[in-house]
Amino acid sequence: VQLQASGGGLVQAGGSLRLSCTISGRTLSTYAMGWFRQAPGKEREFVAGISSSGRTTRYADSVKGRFTISRDNSKNTVYLQMNSLKQEDTAVYYCAADAAAYATGDYMRYNYWGQGTQVTVSS
């Protein structure tokens, strides 16, 4: 199983970005998916997760109301729409797959990881 994340970049505070993560080697619908991020000098933290069916989502408090996770199983792709970006959102963002029905915030549960995509929010 391989995950390919894309869509990161440089954006001004208040702007938007949409990250994508495409899975290959297996069918996306088998996995709950999560987005995590890691800023320099900080631990990896959970951002958002979505169940394998797409019916259940969860978010870190820091991104609730600003970020939206979604998935298109027919395209084997999961998305993270990020609006109203803040400087503190600057990090490398990783997508991850968990062979379970529901997403968890525990990064140890995830079986597969993408390579990460850099998001930089300027003032």
Protein backbone atom coordinates (compact mmCIF):
# COMPACT_ATOMS: atom_id res chain seq x y z
CA VAL A 1 0.00 0.00 0.00
CA GLN A 2 1.31 3.41 -0.95
CA LEU A 3 -0.04 6.82 -0.03
CA GLN A 4 0.79 9.92 -2.03
CA ALA A 5 0.01 13.28 -0.46
CA SER A 6 -0.06 16.51 -2.44
CA GLY A 7 -1.46 20.02 -2.41
CA GLY A 8 0.76 21.73 0.12
CA GLY A 9 2.32 25.11 -0.48
CA LEU A 10 2.77 28.66 0.72
CA VAL A 11 -0.35 30.65 1.56
CA GLN A 12 -1.11 33.84 3.43
CA ALA A 13 -2.93 33.77 6.73
CA GLY A 14 -6.66 33.59 6.13
CA GLY A 15 -6.20 31.70 2.89
CA SER A 16 -7.13 28.17 1.88
CA LEU A 17 -5.48 25.02 0.63
CA ARG A 18 -6.77 21.58 -0.25
CA LEU A 19 -4.60 18.57 0.40
CA SER A 20 -5.13 15.30 -1.41
CA CYS A 21 -3.97 11.81 -0.57
CA THR A 22 -4.25 8.99 -3.08
CA ILE A 23 -3.89 5.36 -2.12
CA SER A 24 -2.56 2.68 -4.43
CA GLY A 25 -2.15 -1.02 -3.98
CA ARG A 26 -5.40 -1.44 -2.08
CA THR A 27 -8.93 -0.10 -2.22
CA LEU A 28 -9.39 3.04 -0.18
CA SER A 29 -12.74 1.89 1.18
CA THR A 30 -10.91 -0.71 3.27
CA TYR A 31 -9.34 1.96 5.45
CA ALA A 32 -10.19 4.68 7.88
CA MET A 33 -8.01 7.65 7.01
CA GLY A 34 -6.35 10.34 9.01
CA TRP A 35 -4.40 13.52 8.54
CA PHE A 36 -1.62 14.39 10.96
CA ARG A 37 0.88 17.22 11.05
CA GLN A 38 4.26 17.90 12.52
CA ALA A 39 5.79 21.30 13.02
CA PRO A 40 9.53 21.79 13.61
CA GLY A 41 10.47 20.82 17.13
CA LYS A 42 7.02 19.50 17.91
CA GLU A 43 5.45 16.07 18.09
CA ARG A 44 3.23 14.72 15.37
CA GLU A 45 -0.39 15.62 16.10
CA PHE A 46 -3.74 14.44 14.87
CA VAL A 47 -5.63 16.84 12.64
CA ALA A 48 -8.65 15.02 11.22
CA GLY A 49 -9.96 11.53 10.56
CA ILE A 50 -12.70 9.90 8.52
CA SER A 51 -14.24 6.47 8.74
CA SER A 52 -13.92 3.94 5.93
CA SER A 53 -17.50 4.66 4.84
CA GLY A 54 -17.04 8.42 5.04
CA ARG A 55 -20.02 8.84 7.35
CA THR A 56 -18.05 9.67 10.49
CA THR A 57 -15.42 12.36 10.90
CA ARG A 58 -13.41 13.74 13.80
CA TYR A 59 -11.21 16.79 14.23
CA ALA A 60 -8.67 18.24 16.55
CA ASP A 61 -10.11 21.15 18.50
CA SER A 62 -7.56 23.47 16.92
CA VAL A 63 -9.00 22.96 13.42
CA LYS A 64 -12.72 22.45 14.06
CA GLY A 65 -14.82 24.74 11.92
CA ARG A 66 -11.87 25.52 9.62
CA PHE A 67 -10.81 22.16 8.17
CA THR A 68 -12.95 19.55 6.46
CA ILE A 69 -11.92 15.98 5.71
CA SER A 70 -13.66 14.05 2.96
CA ARG A 71 -13.09 11.05 0.78
CA ASP A 72 -13.98 9.79 -2.67
CA ASN A 73 -13.59 6.04 -2.58
CA SER A 74 -14.21 5.80 -6.33
CA LYS A 75 -11.04 7.87 -6.84
CA ASN A 76 -9.11 6.25 -3.98
CA THR A 77 -8.51 9.74 -2.64
CA VAL A 78 -9.03 11.52 0.66
CA TYR A 79 -9.02 15.31 0.97
CA LEU A 80 -8.34 17.90 3.61
CA GLN A 81 -9.87 21.28 2.86
CA MET A 82 -8.17 23.90 4.99
CA ASN A 83 -9.77 27.33 5.30
CA SER A 84 -8.96 30.37 7.41
CA LEU A 85 -5.39 29.20 7.74
CA LYS A 86 -3.26 30.51 10.59
CA GLN A 87 0.47 30.70 11.01
CA GLU A 88 0.26 27.98 13.64
CA ASP A 89 -1.04 25.60 10.95
CA THR A 90 2.42 25.62 9.40
CA ALA A 91 3.70 22.05 9.39
CA VAL A 92 4.36 18.99 7.30
CA TYR A 93 1.04 17.25 6.78
CA TYR A 94 0.84 13.48 6.54
CA CYS A 95 -2.00 11.23 5.48
CA ALA A 96 -2.30 7.81 7.03
CA ALA A 97 -4.41 4.68 6.61
CA ASP A 98 -5.78 2.48 9.36
CA ALA A 99 -7.21 -0.95 8.51
CA ALA A 100 -10.23 -0.25 10.66
CA ALA A 101 -13.72 1.13 10.22
CA TYR A 102 -13.34 4.25 12.34
CA ALA A 103 -10.54 6.81 12.50
CA THR A 104 -8.63 7.36 15.70
CA GLY A 105 -6.41 10.20 16.83
CA ASP A 106 -3.69 7.76 17.92
CA TYR A 107 -0.96 7.78 15.27
CA MET A 108 0.31 4.39 16.52
CA ARG A 109 -2.84 2.77 15.14
CA TYR A 110 -2.15 3.72 11.55
CA ASN A 111 -0.58 1.12 9.33
CA TYR A 112 0.50 3.16 6.33
CA TRP A 113 1.81 6.69 5.90
CA GLY A 114 2.31 9.08 3.02
CA GLN A 115 5.49 11.04 2.53
CA GLY A 116 4.18 14.35 3.82
CA THR A 117 3.46 17.67 2.16
CA GLN A 118 4.65 21.03 3.48
CA VAL A 119 2.12 23.70 4.37
CA THR A 120 3.49 27.13 5.18
CA VAL A 121 1.23 29.96 6.29
CA SER A 122 2.72 33.43 6.19
CA SER A 123 1.54 36.53 8.02
